């Protein structure tokens, strides 16, 4: 298994985008789905990304 740089990780990028979206919702008070639905979406995406992940990360 070959390692890749952290910035090439789809999982890290997806979680970073999710974190920005959560902060945006907290600041603006807007919400596109309930907190439970958003958590479920993030979990499913993370599971899929974990299943397709073939390599580890390096610094």
C-alpha atoms as a PDB file:
ATOM      1  CA  UNK A   1       0.000   0.000   0.000  1.00  0.00           C
ATOM      2  CA  UNK A   2       1.428   3.345  -1.041  1.00  0.00           C
ATOM      3  CA  UNK A   3       0.961   6.415   1.151  1.00  0.00           C
ATOM      4  CA  UNK A   4      -0.236   9.772  -0.142  1.00  0.00           C
ATOM      5  CA  UNK A   5       0.038  13.356   1.052  1.00  0.00           C
ATOM      6  CA  UNK A   6      -2.679  14.537   3.432  1.00  0.00           C
ATOM      7  CA  UNK A   7      -4.006  17.146   0.994  1.00  0.00           C
ATOM      8  CA  UNK A   8      -4.924  14.400  -1.495  1.00  0.00           C
ATOM      9  CA  UNK A   9      -7.282  12.738   1.014  1.00  0.00           C
ATOM     10  CA  UNK A  10     -10.946  12.862  -0.047  1.00  0.00           C
ATOM     11  CA  UNK A  11     -11.986  12.028   3.517  1.00  0.00           C
ATOM     12  CA  UNK A  12     -10.078  14.940   5.044  1.00  0.00           C
ATOM     13  CA  UNK A  13     -11.420  17.358   2.422  1.00  0.00           C
ATOM     14  CA  UNK A  14     -14.993  16.156   2.907  1.00  0.00           C
ATOM     15  CA  UNK A  15     -14.762  16.524   6.685  1.00  0.00           C
ATOM     16  CA  UNK A  16     -13.178  19.962   6.331  1.00  0.00           C
ATOM     17  CA  UNK A  17     -15.999  21.097   4.059  1.00  0.00           C
ATOM     18  CA  UNK A  18     -18.550  19.651   6.499  1.00  0.00           C
ATOM     19  CA  UNK A  19     -16.927  21.573   9.365  1.00  0.00           C
ATOM     20  CA  UNK A  20     -17.053  24.833   7.387  1.00  0.00           C
ATOM     21  CA  UNK A  21     -20.723  24.189   6.548  1.00  0.00           C
ATOM     22  CA  UNK A  22     -21.533  23.588  10.220  1.00  0.00           C
ATOM     23  CA  UNK A  23     -19.782  26.783  11.312  1.00  0.00           C
ATOM     24  CA  UNK A  24     -21.570  28.708   8.538  1.00  0.00           C
ATOM     25  CA  UNK A  25     -24.921  27.425   9.768  1.00  0.00           C
ATOM     26  CA  UNK A  26     -24.079  28.384  13.352  1.00  0.00           C
ATOM     27  CA  UNK A  27     -23.064  31.907  12.332  1.00  0.00           C
ATOM     28  CA  UNK A  28     -25.941  32.604   9.943  1.00  0.00           C
ATOM     29  CA  UNK A  29     -28.653  30.627  11.707  1.00  0.00           C
ATOM     30  CA  UNK A  30     -29.629  28.951   8.441  1.00  0.00           C
ATOM     31  CA  UNK A  31     -30.052  25.203   8.180  1.00  0.00           C
ATOM     32  CA  UNK A  32     -30.708  23.020   5.126  1.00  0.00           C
ATOM     33  CA  UNK A  33     -31.463  19.854   7.139  1.00  0.00           C
ATOM     34  CA  UNK A  34     -31.816  18.825  10.783  1.00  0.00           C
ATOM     35  CA  UNK A  35     -28.677  18.111  12.781  1.00  0.00           C
ATOM     36  CA  UNK A  36     -29.534  14.404  12.801  1.00  0.00           C
ATOM     37  CA  UNK A  37     -29.928  14.315   9.019  1.00  0.00           C
ATOM     38  CA  UNK A  38     -26.654  16.167   8.513  1.00  0.00           C
ATOM     39  CA  UNK A  39     -24.833  13.774  10.862  1.00  0.00           C
ATOM     40  CA  UNK A  40     -26.301  10.808   8.996  1.00  0.00           C
ATOM     41  CA  UNK A  41     -25.184  12.207   5.645  1.00  0.00           C
ATOM     42  CA  UNK A  42     -21.648  12.763   6.946  1.00  0.00           C
ATOM     43  CA  UNK A  43     -21.512   9.233   8.399  1.00  0.00           C
ATOM     44  CA  UNK A  44     -22.643   7.619   5.139  1.00  0.00           C
ATOM     45  CA  UNK A  45     -20.162   9.633   3.055  1.00  0.00           C
ATOM     46  CA  UNK A  46     -17.333   8.772   5.469  1.00  0.00           C
ATOM     47  CA  UNK A  47     -18.232   5.072   5.310  1.00  0.00           C
ATOM     48  CA  UNK A  48     -18.204   5.104   1.504  1.00  0.00           C
ATOM     49  CA  UNK A  49     -14.896   6.960   1.411  1.00  0.00           C
ATOM     50  CA  UNK A  50     -13.434   4.514   3.919  1.00  0.00           C
ATOM     51  CA  UNK A  51     -14.509   1.571   1.772  1.00  0.00           C
ATOM     52  CA  UNK A  52     -12.807   2.977  -1.332  1.00  0.00           C
ATOM     53  CA  UNK A  53      -9.641   4.120   0.473  1.00  0.00           C
ATOM     54  CA  UNK A  54      -6.607   2.175  -0.662  1.00  0.00           C
ATOM     55  CA  UNK A  55      -3.715   4.080   0.902  1.00  0.00           C
ATOM     56  CA  UNK A  56      -2.574   5.730   4.099  1.00  0.00           C
ATOM     57  CA  UNK A  57      -1.453   9.305   4.683  1.00  0.00           C
ATOM     58  CA  UNK A  58       1.934  10.895   5.168  1.00  0.00           C
ATOM     59  CA  UNK A  59       2.680  14.278   6.663  1.00  0.00           C
END
